[in-house]
PDB file of N, CA and C in Angstrom:
ATOM      1  N   MET A   1     -36.767  10.379  24.791  1.00  0.00           N
ATOM      2  CA  MET A   1     -36.536  11.687  23.769  1.00  0.00           C
ATOM      3  C   MET A   1     -37.246  12.676  24.091  1.00  0.00           C
ATOM      4  N   ALA A   2     -36.986  13.855  24.363  1.00  0.00           N
ATOM      5  CA  ALA A   2     -37.398  15.093  24.491  1.00  0.00           C
ATOM      6  C   ALA A   2     -37.593  15.883  23.584  1.00  0.00           C
ATOM      7  N   PHE A   3     -38.299  16.935  23.088  1.00  0.00           N
ATOM      8  CA  PHE A   3     -38.386  17.505  22.091  1.00  0.00           C
ATOM      9  C   PHE A   3     -37.950  18.948  22.852  1.00  0.00           C
ATOM     10  N   LYS A   4     -37.421  20.020  22.462  1.00  0.00           N
ATOM     11  CA  LYS A   4     -37.089  21.774  23.614  1.00  0.00           C
ATOM     12  C   LYS A   4     -37.893  22.320  23.003  1.00  0.00           C
ATOM     13  N   SER A   5     -37.741  22.488  21.626  1.00  0.00           N
ATOM     14  CA  SER A   5     -38.700  24.069  21.279  1.00  0.00           C
ATOM     15  C   SER A   5     -38.769  23.939  20.140  1.00  0.00           C
ATOM     16  N   LEU A   6     -40.070  24.522  19.493  1.00  0.00           N
ATOM     17  CA  LEU A   6     -40.181  24.730  17.855  1.00  0.00           C
ATOM     18  C   LEU A   6     -39.728  26.102  17.435  1.00  0.00           C
ATOM     19  N   ARG A   7     -39.051  26.470  16.300  1.00  0.00           N
ATOM     20  CA  ARG A   7     -38.894  27.610  15.991  1.00  0.00           C
ATOM     21  C   ARG A   7     -39.112  27.440  14.463  1.00  0.00           C
ATOM     22  N   PRO A   8     -39.953  27.981  13.988  1.00  0.00           N
ATOM     23  CA  PRO A   8     -40.678  28.356  12.900  1.00  0.00           C
ATOM     24  C   PRO A   8     -39.550  29.486  11.927  1.00  0.00           C
ATOM     25  N   ILE A   9     -39.149  29.032  10.823  1.00  0.00           N
ATOM     26  CA  ILE A   9     -38.717  30.299   9.910  1.00  0.00           C
ATOM     27  C   ILE A   9     -39.524  30.229   8.444  1.00  0.00           C
ATOM     28  N   ILE A  10     -39.627  31.670   8.455  1.00  0.00           N
ATOM     29  CA  ILE A  10     -40.633  32.292   7.358  1.00  0.00           C
ATOM     30  C   ILE A  10     -39.836  32.875   6.539  1.00  0.00           C
ATOM     31  N   TRP A  11     -39.984  32.561   5.253  1.00  0.00           N
ATOM     32  CA  TRP A  11     -39.140  32.916   4.428  1.00  0.00           C
ATOM     33  C   TRP A  11     -39.995  34.442   3.954  1.00  0.00           C
ATOM     34  N   THR A  12     -39.126  35.422   3.153  1.00  0.00           N
ATOM     35  CA  THR A  12     -39.890  36.595   2.974  1.00  0.00           C
ATOM     36  C   THR A  12     -38.913  37.198   1.932  1.00  0.00           C
ATOM     37  N   GLU A  13     -39.271  37.998   1.170  1.00  0.00           N
ATOM     38  CA  GLU A  13     -38.693  38.984   0.279  1.00  0.00           C
ATOM     39  C   GLU A  13     -37.860  40.095   0.478  1.00  0.00           C
ATOM     40  N   ASP A  14     -38.604  40.284   1.855  1.00  0.00           N
ATOM     41  CA  ASP A  14     -38.336  41.962   2.698  1.00  0.00           C
ATOM     42  C   ASP A  14     -38.573  41.601   3.917  1.00  0.00           C
ATOM     43  N   LEU A  15     -36.865  41.114   4.612  1.00  0.00           N
ATOM     44  CA  LEU A  15     -36.689  41.209   5.630  1.00  0.00           C
ATOM     45  C   LEU A  15     -36.977  42.390   6.730  1.00  0.00           C
ATOM     46  N   GLN A  16     -36.482  43.337   5.882  1.00  0.00           N
ATOM     47  CA  GLN A  16     -36.697  45.077   6.918  1.00  0.00           C
ATOM     48  C   GLN A  16     -38.204  45.019   7.072  1.00  0.00           C
ATOM     49  N   LYS A  17     -39.069  45.047   6.010  1.00  0.00           N
ATOM     50  CA  LYS A  17     -40.809  45.017   6.264  1.00  0.00           C
ATOM     51  C   LYS A  17     -41.399  44.073   7.061  1.00  0.00           C
ATOM     52  N   THR A  18     -40.586  42.632   7.355  1.00  0.00           N
ATOM     53  CA  THR A  18     -41.480  41.504   7.941  1.00  0.00           C
ATOM     54  C   THR A  18     -40.740  42.067   9.265  1.00  0.00           C
ATOM     55  N   ILE A  19     -39.512  42.244   9.709  1.00  0.00           N
ATOM     56  CA  ILE A  19     -38.856  42.876  10.817  1.00  0.00           C
ATOM     57  C   ILE A  19     -40.008  43.973  11.584  1.00  0.00           C
ATOM     58  N   LYS A  20     -40.549  44.311  11.071  1.00  0.00           N
ATOM     59  CA  LYS A  20     -41.202  45.683  11.457  1.00  0.00           C
ATOM     60  C   LYS A  20     -42.482  45.277  11.530  1.00  0.00           C
ATOM     61  N   PHE A  21     -42.952  44.834  11.109  1.00  0.00           N
ATOM     62  CA  PHE A  21     -44.739  43.604  11.285  1.00  0.00           C
ATOM     63  C   PHE A  21     -44.108  43.196  12.622  1.00  0.00           C
ATOM     64  N   TYR A  22     -43.239  42.397  13.306  1.00  0.00           N
ATOM     65  CA  TYR A  22     -43.219  41.324  14.027  1.00  0.00           C
ATOM     66  C   TYR A  22     -42.806  42.400  15.083  1.00  0.00           C
ATOM     67  N   LYS A  23     -42.306  43.490  15.107  1.00  0.00           N
ATOM     68  CA  LYS A  23     -42.040  44.117  15.968  1.00  0.00           C
ATOM     69  C   LYS A  23     -43.378  45.061  16.711  1.00  0.00           C
ATOM     70  N   LYS A  24     -44.111  45.185  15.586  1.00  0.00           N
ATOM     71  CA  LYS A  24     -45.725  45.793  16.326  1.00  0.00           C
ATOM     72  C   LYS A  24     -46.183  44.627  17.159  1.00  0.00           C
ATOM     73  N   LEU A  25     -45.878  43.442  17.025  1.00  0.00           N
ATOM     74  CA  LEU A  25     -46.564  42.466  17.727  1.00  0.00           C
ATOM     75  C   LEU A  25     -45.897  42.046  19.260  1.00  0.00           C
ATOM     76  N   GLY A  26     -44.923  42.861  19.382  1.00  0.00           N
ATOM     77  CA  GLY A  26     -44.233  43.313  20.506  1.00  0.00           C
ATOM     78  C   GLY A  26     -42.677  41.870  20.411  1.00  0.00           C
ATOM     79  N   PHE A  27     -42.367  41.556  19.228  1.00  0.00           N
ATOM     80  CA  PHE A  27     -41.335  40.781  19.356  1.00  0.00           C
ATOM     81  C   PHE A  27     -39.830  41.963  19.021  1.00  0.00           C
ATOM     82  N   LYS A  28     -38.535  41.526  19.158  1.00  0.00           N
ATOM     83  CA  LYS A  28     -37.927  42.291  19.521  1.00  0.00           C
ATOM     84  C   LYS A  28     -36.656  41.754  18.714  1.00  0.00           C
ATOM     85  N   LEU A  29     -35.745  41.921  17.882  1.00  0.00           N
ATOM     86  CA  LEU A  29     -34.599  41.621  17.394  1.00  0.00           C
ATOM     87  C   LEU A  29     -33.672  41.151  18.017  1.00  0.00           C
ATOM     88  N   GLN A  30     -33.478  39.608  18.133  1.00  0.00           N
ATOM     89  CA  GLN A  30     -32.630  38.970  19.405  1.00  0.00           C
ATOM     90  C   GLN A  30     -31.468  38.939  17.800  1.00  0.00           C
ATOM     91  N   ASP A  31     -31.071  38.467  16.926  1.00  0.00           N
ATOM     92  CA  ASP A  31     -30.276  38.595  16.081  1.00  0.00           C
ATOM     93  C   ASP A  31     -30.344  38.723  14.775  1.00  0.00           C
ATOM     94  N   GLN A  32     -29.213  38.850  14.123  1.00  0.00           N
ATOM     95  CA  GLN A  32     -29.373  39.180  12.253  1.00  0.00           C
ATOM     96  C   GLN A  32     -27.814  39.055  11.958  1.00  0.00           C
ATOM     97  N   ASN A  33     -27.716  38.241  10.692  1.00  0.00           N
ATOM     98  CA  ASN A  33     -26.988  38.012   9.452  1.00  0.00           C
ATOM     99  C   ASN A  33     -26.606  39.704   9.289  1.00  0.00           C
ATOM    100  N   GLU A  34     -25.415  39.807   9.039  1.00  0.00           N
ATOM    101  CA  GLU A  34     -24.765  41.026   8.476  1.00  0.00           C
ATOM    102  C   GLU A  34     -25.432  41.238   6.979  1.00  0.00           C
ATOM    103  N   ASP A  35     -25.514  40.185   6.366  1.00  0.00           N
ATOM    104  CA  ASP A  35     -25.950  40.576   5.021  1.00  0.00           C
ATOM    105  C   ASP A  35     -27.406  40.454   5.105  1.00  0.00           C
ATOM    106  N   LEU A  36     -28.130  40.517   5.705  1.00  0.00           N
ATOM    107  CA  LEU A  36     -29.653  40.639   5.742  1.00  0.00           C
ATOM    108  C   LEU A  36     -30.212  39.460   5.080  1.00  0.00           C
ATOM    109  N   ILE A  37     -29.399  38.239   5.455  1.00  0.00           N
ATOM    110  CA  ILE A  37     -30.299  37.172   4.923  1.00  0.00           C
ATOM    111  C   ILE A  37     -31.241  36.338   6.142  1.00  0.00           C
ATOM    112  N   TRP A  38     -31.128  36.422   7.206  1.00  0.00           N
ATOM    113  CA  TRP A  38     -31.760  36.027   8.165  1.00  0.00           C
ATOM    114  C   TRP A  38     -31.910  36.766   9.463  1.00  0.00           C
ATOM    115  N   SER A  39     -32.869  36.491  10.225  1.00  0.00           N
ATOM    116  CA  SER A  39     -33.094  37.650  11.771  1.00  0.00           C
ATOM    117  C   SER A  39     -33.600  36.335  12.863  1.00  0.00           C
ATOM    118  N   THR A  40     -33.534  36.361  13.749  1.00  0.00           N
ATOM    119  CA  THR A  40     -34.062  36.193  14.770  1.00  0.00           C
ATOM    120  C   THR A  40     -35.193  37.122  15.786  1.00  0.00           C
ATOM    121  N   LEU A  41     -36.035  36.759  15.856  1.00  0.00           N
ATOM    122  CA  LEU A  41     -37.448  37.861  16.867  1.00  0.00           C
ATOM    123  C   LEU A  41     -37.571  36.812  18.011  1.00  0.00           C
ATOM    124  N   LYS A  42     -37.660  37.369  19.220  1.00  0.00           N
ATOM    125  CA  LYS A  42     -38.155  36.775  20.189  1.00  0.00           C
ATOM    126  C   LYS A  42     -38.842  37.825  21.210  1.00  0.00           C
ATOM    127  N   LYS A  43     -39.714  36.972  21.509  1.00  0.00           N
ATOM    128  CA  LYS A  43     -40.903  37.753  22.393  1.00  0.00           C
ATOM    129  C   LYS A  43     -40.633  36.648  23.378  1.00  0.00           C
ATOM    130  N   ASP A  44     -40.637  36.911  24.770  1.00  0.00           N
ATOM    131  CA  ASP A  44     -40.631  35.631  26.012  1.00  0.00           C
ATOM    132  C   ASP A  44     -40.457  34.839  25.664  1.00  0.00           C
ATOM    133  N   ASP A  45     -41.009  33.616  25.507  1.00  0.00           N
ATOM    134  CA  ASP A  45     -40.521  32.299  25.254  1.00  0.00           C
ATOM    135  C   ASP A  45     -40.662  31.863  23.470  1.00  0.00           C
ATOM    136  N   VAL A  46     -40.820  32.768  22.459  1.00  0.00           N
ATOM    137  CA  VAL A  46     -41.503  32.417  21.636  1.00  0.00           C
ATOM    138  C   VAL A  46     -40.203  33.024  20.830  1.00  0.00           C
ATOM    139  N   GLU A  47     -39.892  32.257  19.620  1.00  0.00           N
ATOM    140  CA  GLU A  47     -38.973  32.192  18.620  1.00  0.00           C
ATOM    141  C   GLU A  47     -39.399  32.698  17.468  1.00  0.00           C
ATOM    142  N   VAL A  48     -39.266  33.395  16.579  1.00  0.00           N
ATOM    143  CA  VAL A  48     -39.400  33.821  15.050  1.00  0.00           C
ATOM    144  C   VAL A  48     -38.295  33.826  14.454  1.00  0.00           C
ATOM    145  N   LEU A  49     -38.119  32.804  13.672  1.00  0.00           N
ATOM    146  CA  LEU A  49     -36.758  33.375  12.554  1.00  0.00           C
ATOM    147  C   LEU A  49     -37.395  33.782  10.912  1.00  0.00           C
ATOM    148  N   ILE A  50     -36.777  34.560  10.762  1.00  0.00           N
ATOM    149  CA  ILE A  50     -37.205  35.144   9.753  1.00  0.00           C
ATOM    150  C   ILE A  50     -35.896  34.958   8.358  1.00  0.00           C
ATOM    151  N   ALA A  51     -35.867  34.401   7.191  1.00  0.00           N
ATOM    152  CA  ALA A  51     -35.158  34.574   5.964  1.00  0.00           C
ATOM    153  C   ALA A  51     -35.489  35.011   4.783  1.00  0.00           C
ATOM    154  N   ASN A  52     -34.521  35.211   3.852  1.00  0.00           N
ATOM    155  CA  ASN A  52     -34.614  35.582   2.549  1.00  0.00           C
ATOM    156  C   ASN A  52     -34.690  34.002   1.924  1.00  0.00           C
ATOM    157  N   PRO A  53     -35.569  33.456   1.093  1.00  0.00           N
ATOM    158  CA  PRO A  53     -35.189  32.316   0.505  1.00  0.00           C
ATOM    159  C   PRO A  53     -33.883  31.858   0.217  1.00  0.00           C
ATOM    160  N   ASN A  54     -33.868  30.688   0.244  1.00  0.00           N
ATOM    161  CA  ASN A  54     -32.150  30.358  -0.398  1.00  0.00           C
ATOM    162  C   ASN A  54     -32.601  29.832  -1.904  1.00  0.00           C
ATOM    163  N   GLN A  55     -31.313  29.699  -2.534  1.00  0.00           N
ATOM    164  CA  GLN A  55     -30.943  29.792  -3.661  1.00  0.00           C
ATOM    165  C   GLN A  55     -31.614  28.323  -4.215  1.00  0.00           C
ATOM    166  N   SER A  56     -31.567  27.357  -3.553  1.00  0.00           N
ATOM    167  CA  SER A  56     -31.730  26.080  -4.007  1.00  0.00           C
ATOM    168  C   SER A  56     -33.378  25.679  -3.816  1.00  0.00           C
ATOM    169  N   SER A  57     -33.901  26.854  -3.061  1.00  0.00           N
ATOM    170  CA  SER A  57     -35.572  26.580  -3.236  1.00  0.00           C
ATOM    171  C   SER A  57     -36.256  27.161  -4.497  1.00  0.00           C
ATOM    172  N   ASP A  58     -37.393  26.488  -4.724  1.00  0.00           N
ATOM    173  CA  ASP A  58     -38.182  26.890  -5.360  1.00  0.00           C
ATOM    174  C   ASP A  58     -39.251  28.179  -5.132  1.00  0.00           C
ATOM    175  N   PHE A  59     -38.992  29.323  -4.936  1.00  0.00           N
ATOM    176  CA  PHE A  59     -39.609  29.857  -3.812  1.00  0.00           C
ATOM    177  C   PHE A  59     -40.186  31.420  -5.529  1.00  0.00           C
ATOM    178  N   GLU A  60     -41.822  31.107  -5.457  1.00  0.00           N
ATOM    179  CA  GLU A  60     -42.017  32.254  -6.182  1.00  0.00           C
ATOM    180  C   GLU A  60     -42.745  33.614  -5.410  1.00  0.00           C
ATOM    181  N   ARG A  61     -43.236  33.093  -4.100  1.00  0.00           N
ATOM    182  CA  ARG A  61     -43.758  33.612  -3.066  1.00  0.00           C
ATOM    183  C   ARG A  61     -43.835  33.336  -1.751  1.00  0.00           C
ATOM    184  N   PRO A  62     -44.141  34.179  -0.602  1.00  0.00           N
ATOM    185  CA  PRO A  62     -44.380  33.105   0.606  1.00  0.00           C
ATOM    186  C   PRO A  62     -45.652  32.437   0.725  1.00  0.00           C
ATOM    187  N   LYS A  63     -45.603  31.073   0.659  1.00  0.00           N
ATOM    188  CA  LYS A  63     -46.682  30.232   0.743  1.00  0.00           C
ATOM    189  C   LYS A  63     -46.429  29.361   2.118  1.00  0.00           C
ATOM    190  N   PHE A  64     -47.524  28.948   2.877  1.00  0.00           N
ATOM    191  CA  PHE A  64     -47.713  28.123   3.902  1.00  0.00           C
ATOM    192  C   PHE A  64     -48.655  27.334   3.996  1.00  0.00           C
ATOM    193  N   THR A  65     -49.354  25.894   4.033  1.00  0.00           N
ATOM    194  CA  THR A  65     -50.459  25.257   3.651  1.00  0.00           C
ATOM    195  C   THR A  65     -51.464  25.491   5.409  1.00  0.00           C
ATOM    196  N   GLY A  66     -50.588  26.090   6.289  1.00  0.00           N
ATOM    197  CA  GLY A  66     -50.919  26.155   7.699  1.00  0.00           C
ATOM    198  C   GLY A  66     -51.334  27.470   8.401  1.00  0.00           C
ATOM    199  N   SER A  67     -50.896  27.465   9.808  1.00  0.00           N
ATOM    200  CA  SER A  67     -50.912  28.827  10.021  1.00  0.00           C
ATOM    201  C   SER A  67     -50.132  28.511  11.173  1.00  0.00           C
ATOM    202  N   LEU A  68     -49.783  29.437  11.816  1.00  0.00           N
ATOM    203  CA  LEU A  68     -48.747  29.790  13.199  1.00  0.00           C
ATOM    204  C   LEU A  68     -49.959  30.385  14.411  1.00  0.00           C
ATOM    205  N   TYR A  69     -49.919  29.370  15.300  1.00  0.00           N
ATOM    206  CA  TYR A  69     -50.834  29.386  16.086  1.00  0.00           C
ATOM    207  C   TYR A  69     -49.850  30.066  17.512  1.00  0.00           C
ATOM    208  N   PHE A  70     -50.095  30.837  18.440  1.00  0.00           N
ATOM    209  CA  PHE A  70     -49.761  31.719  19.278  1.00  0.00           C
ATOM    210  C   PHE A  70     -50.294  31.583  20.296  1.00  0.00           C
ATOM    211  N   THR A  71     -50.117  31.096  21.421  1.00  0.00           N
ATOM    212  CA  THR A  71     -50.640  30.812  22.797  1.00  0.00           C
ATOM    213  C   THR A  71     -50.339  32.328  23.697  1.00  0.00           C
ATOM    214  N   VAL A  72     -51.221  33.240  23.925  1.00  0.00           N
ATOM    215  CA  VAL A  72     -51.174  34.493  24.719  1.00  0.00           C
ATOM    216  C   VAL A  72     -51.989  34.520  25.875  1.00  0.00           C
ATOM    217  N   ASP A  73     -51.107  35.608  26.683  1.00  0.00           N
ATOM    218  CA  ASP A  73     -52.267  35.922  27.551  1.00  0.00           C
ATOM    219  C   ASP A  73     -53.032  37.100  27.283  1.00  0.00           C
ATOM    220  N   ASN A  74     -54.123  37.533  27.919  1.00  0.00           N
ATOM    221  CA  ASN A  74     -54.953  38.773  27.523  1.00  0.00           C
ATOM    222  C   ASN A  74     -54.416  39.301  25.792  1.00  0.00           C
ATOM    223  N   VAL A  75     -55.243  37.881  25.107  1.00  0.00           N
ATOM    224  CA  VAL A  75     -55.818  37.877  23.549  1.00  0.00           C
ATOM    225  C   VAL A  75     -56.330  39.348  23.167  1.00  0.00           C
ATOM    226  N   ASP A  76     -57.292  39.897  24.385  1.00  0.00           N
ATOM    227  CA  ASP A  76     -57.941  40.834  23.912  1.00  0.00           C
ATOM    228  C   ASP A  76     -57.302  42.238  23.734  1.00  0.00           C
ATOM    229  N   GLU A  77     -56.411  42.181  24.441  1.00  0.00           N
ATOM    230  CA  GLU A  77     -54.896  43.575  24.249  1.00  0.00           C
ATOM    231  C   GLU A  77     -54.440  43.607  23.085  1.00  0.00           C
ATOM    232  N   LEU A  78     -54.117  42.610  22.968  1.00  0.00           N
ATOM    233  CA  LEU A  78     -53.448  42.092  21.412  1.00  0.00           C
ATOM    234  C   LEU A  78     -54.424  42.704  20.175  1.00  0.00           C
ATOM    235  N   TRP A  79     -55.525  41.894  20.186  1.00  0.00           N
ATOM    236  CA  TRP A  79     -56.108  42.061  19.479  1.00  0.00           C
ATOM    237  C   TRP A  79     -56.413  43.827  18.906  1.00  0.00           C
ATOM    238  N   ASP A  80     -56.875  44.452  20.122  1.00  0.00           N
ATOM    239  CA  ASP A  80     -57.188  46.190  20.391  1.00  0.00           C
ATOM    240  C   ASP A  80     -56.180  46.712  19.550  1.00  0.00           C
ATOM    241  N   LEU A  81     -54.496  45.893  19.904  1.00  0.00           N
ATOM    242  CA  LEU A  81     -53.377  46.343  19.337  1.00  0.00           C
ATOM    243  C   LEU A  81     -53.202  46.503  17.923  1.00  0.00           C
ATOM    244  N   VAL A  82     -53.161  45.439  17.460  1.00  0.00           N
ATOM    245  CA  VAL A  82     -53.172  44.657  16.007  1.00  0.00           C
ATOM    246  C   VAL A  82     -54.610  45.142  14.996  1.00  0.00           C
ATOM    247  N   LYS A  83     -55.409  44.504  15.396  1.00  0.00           N
ATOM    248  CA  LYS A  83     -57.115  44.708  14.550  1.00  0.00           C
ATOM    249  C   LYS A  83     -56.803  45.845  12.900  1.00  0.00           C
ATOM    250  N   SER A  84     -56.381  47.085  13.393  1.00  0.00           N
ATOM    251  CA  SER A  84     -56.806  48.173  12.463  1.00  0.00           C
ATOM    252  C   SER A  84     -55.487  48.042  11.589  1.00  0.00           C
ATOM    253  N   ASP A  85     -54.279  47.482  11.863  1.00  0.00           N
ATOM    254  CA  ASP A  85     -53.065  47.610  11.428  1.00  0.00           C
ATOM    255  C   ASP A  85     -52.604  46.383  10.465  1.00  0.00           C
ATOM    256  N   CYS A  86     -53.808  45.407  10.242  1.00  0.00           N
ATOM    257  CA  CYS A  86     -53.103  44.520   9.506  1.00  0.00           C
ATOM    258  C   CYS A  86     -54.715  43.660   8.829  1.00  0.00           C
ATOM    259  N   GLU A  87     -54.571  42.991   7.927  1.00  0.00           N
ATOM    260  CA  GLU A  87     -55.820  42.118   6.998  1.00  0.00           C
ATOM    261  C   GLU A  87     -55.774  41.170   8.394  1.00  0.00           C
ATOM    262  N   VAL A  88     -56.963  41.009   8.365  1.00  0.00           N
ATOM    263  CA  VAL A  88     -57.902  40.600   9.372  1.00  0.00           C
ATOM    264  C   VAL A  88     -58.619  38.680   8.727  1.00  0.00           C
ATOM    265  N   VAL A  89     -58.077  37.718   9.035  1.00  0.00           N
ATOM    266  CA  VAL A  89     -58.375  36.765   8.810  1.00  0.00           C
ATOM    267  C   VAL A  89     -60.178  36.345   9.224  1.00  0.00           C
ATOM    268  N   TYR A  90     -59.979  36.096  10.916  1.00  0.00           N
ATOM    269  CA  TYR A  90     -61.300  36.422  11.619  1.00  0.00           C
ATOM    270  C   TYR A  90     -61.365  36.899  12.926  1.00  0.00           C
ATOM    271  N   GLU A  91     -61.914  38.054  12.621  1.00  0.00           N
ATOM    272  CA  GLU A  91     -62.245  38.465  14.358  1.00  0.00           C
ATOM    273  C   GLU A  91     -62.319  38.081  15.500  1.00  0.00           C
ATOM    274  N   ILE A  92     -61.976  38.552  16.733  1.00  0.00           N
ATOM    275  CA  ILE A  92     -61.828  37.767  17.814  1.00  0.00           C
ATOM    276  C   ILE A  92     -63.056  36.740  18.613  1.00  0.00           C
ATOM    277  N   GLU A  93     -62.843  36.514  18.625  1.00  0.00           N
ATOM    278  CA  GLU A  93     -64.340  35.237  19.293  1.00  0.00           C
ATOM    279  C   GLU A  93     -63.850  34.197  20.567  1.00  0.00           C
ATOM    280  N   THR A  94     -64.901  33.812  21.261  1.00  0.00           N
ATOM    281  CA  THR A  94     -64.961  32.931  21.607  1.00  0.00           C
ATOM    282  C   THR A  94     -65.451  31.518  21.533  1.00  0.00           C
ATOM    283  N   PHE A  95     -64.510  30.529  21.271  1.00  0.00           N
ATOM    284  CA  PHE A  95     -65.414  28.904  20.768  1.00  0.00           C
ATOM    285  C   PHE A  95     -65.355  28.397  21.938  1.00  0.00           C
ATOM    286  N   GLU A  96     -66.128  26.792  21.755  1.00  0.00           N
ATOM    287  CA  GLU A  96     -66.931  26.313  22.700  1.00  0.00           C
ATOM    288  C   GLU A  96     -66.046  25.089  22.952  1.00  0.00           C
ATOM    289  N   TRP A  97     -64.482  25.368  22.347  1.00  0.00           N
ATOM    290  CA  TRP A  97     -63.614  24.809  22.783  1.00  0.00           C
ATOM    291  C   TRP A  97     -62.789  25.410  23.717  1.00  0.00           C
ATOM    292  N   ASP A  98     -63.140  26.344  24.573  1.00  0.00           N
ATOM    293  CA  ASP A  98     -62.689  27.013  25.368  1.00  0.00           C
ATOM    294  C   ASP A  98     -61.345  27.886  25.210  1.00  0.00           C
ATOM    295  N   MET A  99     -61.275  28.446  23.845  1.00  0.00           N
ATOM    296  CA  MET A  99     -60.372  29.229  23.326  1.00  0.00           C
ATOM    297  C   MET A  99     -61.008  30.524  23.161  1.00  0.00           C
ATOM    298  N   ARG A 100     -60.433  31.593  23.359  1.00  0.00           N
ATOM    299  CA  ARG A 100     -60.716  33.145  23.047  1.00  0.00           C
ATOM    300  C   ARG A 100     -59.642  33.520  21.735  1.00  0.00           C
ATOM    301  N   GLU A 101     -60.079  33.345  20.537  1.00  0.00           N
ATOM    302  CA  GLU A 101     -58.963  33.725  19.530  1.00  0.00           C
ATOM    303  C   GLU A 101     -59.291  34.851  18.722  1.00  0.00           C
ATOM    304  N   PHE A 102     -58.140  34.798  17.878  1.00  0.00           N
ATOM    305  CA  PHE A 102     -58.460  35.511  16.236  1.00  0.00           C
ATOM    306  C   PHE A 102     -57.549  35.228  15.357  1.00  0.00           C
ATOM    307  N   ALA A 103     -57.928  35.615  14.012  1.00  0.00           N
ATOM    308  CA  ALA A 103     -56.536  35.320  13.399  1.00  0.00           C
ATOM    309  C   ALA A 103     -55.801  36.498  12.338  1.00  0.00           C
ATOM    310  N   ILE A 104     -54.766  37.048  12.003  1.00  0.00           N
ATOM    311  CA  ILE A 104     -54.251  37.753  11.134  1.00  0.00           C
ATOM    312  C   ILE A 104     -53.510  37.397  10.167  1.00  0.00           C
ATOM    313  N   TYR A 105     -53.379  38.147   8.965  1.00  0.00           N
ATOM    314  CA  TYR A 105     -52.416  37.724   8.053  1.00  0.00           C
ATOM    315  C   TYR A 105     -51.019  38.729   8.339  1.00  0.00           C
ATOM    316  N   ASP A 106     -49.964  38.150   8.231  1.00  0.00           N
ATOM    317  CA  ASP A 106     -48.603  39.131   8.662  1.00  0.00           C
ATOM    318  C   ASP A 106     -48.708  39.609   6.992  1.00  0.00           C
ATOM    319  N   ASN A 107     -47.308  40.325   7.020  1.00  0.00           N
ATOM    320  CA  ASN A 107     -46.968  41.276   5.847  1.00  0.00           C
ATOM    321  C   ASN A 107     -47.199  40.459   4.692  1.00  0.00           C
ATOM    322  N   ASN A 108     -46.543  38.763   4.733  1.00  0.00           N
ATOM    323  CA  ASN A 108     -45.884  38.057   3.628  1.00  0.00           C
ATOM    324  C   ASN A 108     -47.552  37.118   3.606  1.00  0.00           C
ATOM    325  N   GLY A 109     -47.994  37.465   4.003  1.00  0.00           N
ATOM    326  CA  GLY A 109     -49.480  36.586   3.787  1.00  0.00           C
ATOM    327  C   GLY A 109     -49.742  35.415   4.763  1.00  0.00           C
ATOM    328  N   TYR A 110     -48.773  34.967   5.538  1.00  0.00           N
ATOM    329  CA  TYR A 110     -48.723  34.187   6.275  1.00  0.00           C
ATOM    330  C   TYR A 110     -49.933  33.775   7.324  1.00  0.00           C
ATOM    331  N   VAL A 111     -50.358  33.307   7.850  1.00  0.00           N
ATOM    332  CA  VAL A 111     -51.780  33.402   8.858  1.00  0.00           C
ATOM    333  C   VAL A 111     -51.352  32.912  10.123  1.00  0.00           C
ATOM    334  N   LEU A 112     -51.408  33.867  11.008  1.00  0.00           N
ATOM    335  CA  LEU A 112     -51.099  34.267  12.535  1.00  0.00           C
ATOM    336  C   LEU A 112     -52.537  34.013  13.126  1.00  0.00           C
ATOM    337  N   GLN A 113     -52.667  32.912  14.236  1.00  0.00           N
ATOM    338  CA  GLN A 113     -53.648  33.116  14.861  1.00  0.00           C
ATOM    339  C   GLN A 113     -52.803  32.920  16.444  1.00  0.00           C
ATOM    340  N   PHE A 114     -53.859  33.563  17.286  1.00  0.00           N
ATOM    341  CA  PHE A 114     -53.485  33.863  18.691  1.00  0.00           C
ATOM    342  C   PHE A 114     -54.692  33.797  19.526  1.00  0.00           C
ATOM    343  N   GLY A 115     -54.575  32.597  20.675  1.00  0.00           N
ATOM    344  CA  GLY A 115     -55.172  32.512  21.481  1.00  0.00           C
ATOM    345  C   GLY A 115     -55.329  32.410  22.763  1.00  0.00           C
ATOM    346  N   GLU A 116     -56.132  32.656  23.959  1.00  0.00           N
ATOM    347  CA  GLU A 116     -55.650  32.627  25.162  1.00  0.00           C
ATOM    348  C   GLU A 116     -57.099  31.328  25.605  1.00  0.00           C
ATOM    349  N   GLU A 117     -56.851  30.530  26.717  1.00  0.00           N
ATOM    350  CA  GLU A 117     -57.703  29.696  27.012  1.00  0.00           C
ATOM    351  C   GLU A 117     -58.844  30.487  27.962  1.00  0.00           C
ATOM    352  N   VAL A 118     -59.776  30.229  28.285  1.00  0.00           N
ATOM    353  CA  VAL A 118     -61.189  30.918  29.050  1.00  0.00           C
ATOM    354  C   VAL A 118     -62.176  29.558  29.499  1.00  0.00           C
ATOM    355  N   GLU A 119     -62.433  30.152  30.403  1.00  0.00           N
ATOM    356  CA  GLU A 119     -63.498  29.230  31.127  1.00  0.00           C
ATOM    357  C   GLU A 119     -64.741  29.726  30.764  1.00  0.00           C
ATOM    358  N   ILE A 120     -65.588  29.102  29.949  1.00  0.00           N
ATOM    359  CA  ILE A 120     -66.955  29.160  29.125  1.00  0.00           C
ATOM    360  C   ILE A 120     -68.086  28.410  30.174  1.00  0.00           C
ATOM    361  N   GLU A 121     -69.137  29.397  30.957  1.00  0.00           N
ATOM    362  CA  GLU A 121     -69.824  28.721  31.534  1.00  0.00           C
ATOM    363  C   GLU A 121     -70.667  28.396  30.594  1.00  0.00           C
ATOM    364  N   TYR A 122     -71.225  27.044  30.839  1.00  0.00           N
ATOM    365  CA  TYR A 122     -72.525  26.495  30.437  1.00  0.00           C
ATOM    366  C   TYR A 122     -73.793  26.509  30.941  1.00  0.00           C
ATOM    367  N   ASP A 123     -74.412  27.075  30.440  1.00  0.00           N
ATOM    368  CA  ASP A 123     -76.061  27.119  30.868  1.00  0.00           C
ATOM    369  C   ASP A 123     -76.472  25.309  30.942  1.00  0.00           C
ATOM    370  N   LEU A 124     -77.008  24.351  32.268  1.00  0.00           N
ATOM    371  CA  LEU A 124     -76.974  23.124  31.979  1.00  0.00           C
ATOM    372  C   LEU A 124     -78.529  23.021  32.167  1.00  0.00           C
ATOM    373  N   GLU A 125     -79.264  23.922  32.159  1.00  0.00           N
ATOM    374  CA  GLU A 125     -80.671  24.056  32.176  1.00  0.00           C
ATOM    375  C   GLU A 125     -81.443  24.068  30.772  1.00  0.00           C
ATOM    376  N   ASP A 126     -80.608  23.884  30.007  1.00  0.00           N
ATOM    377  CA  ASP A 126     -81.180  24.124  28.197  1.00  0.00           C
ATOM    378  C   ASP A 126     -81.137  22.756  28.024  1.00  0.00           C
TER     379      ASP A 126
END
């Protein structure tokens, strides 16, 4: 049994504002419901679905106890593009697990992390 993909669906009360936010990250509108209930955004091989909460849900505000982690090429370029336009969770940094990454909040308060694998040269003389 093979898993083929993961397409997160995030809920928002303002579909157009959320679409605009993700377009700043380079996503393009792929598909949209005529009643503006949901939209699909895509960048390269990554898809994010955005939807108004369904009526049977207990939706008071957007919430998610984790984060969405995007593996990207040239994380520094993306950081330079978005750092002044959004609320930063943590600034760009290279971590000991060989990832250079940063995190921001989207317009709904969801945490988005972006990382690029890097090679760290260790000083073996220490």
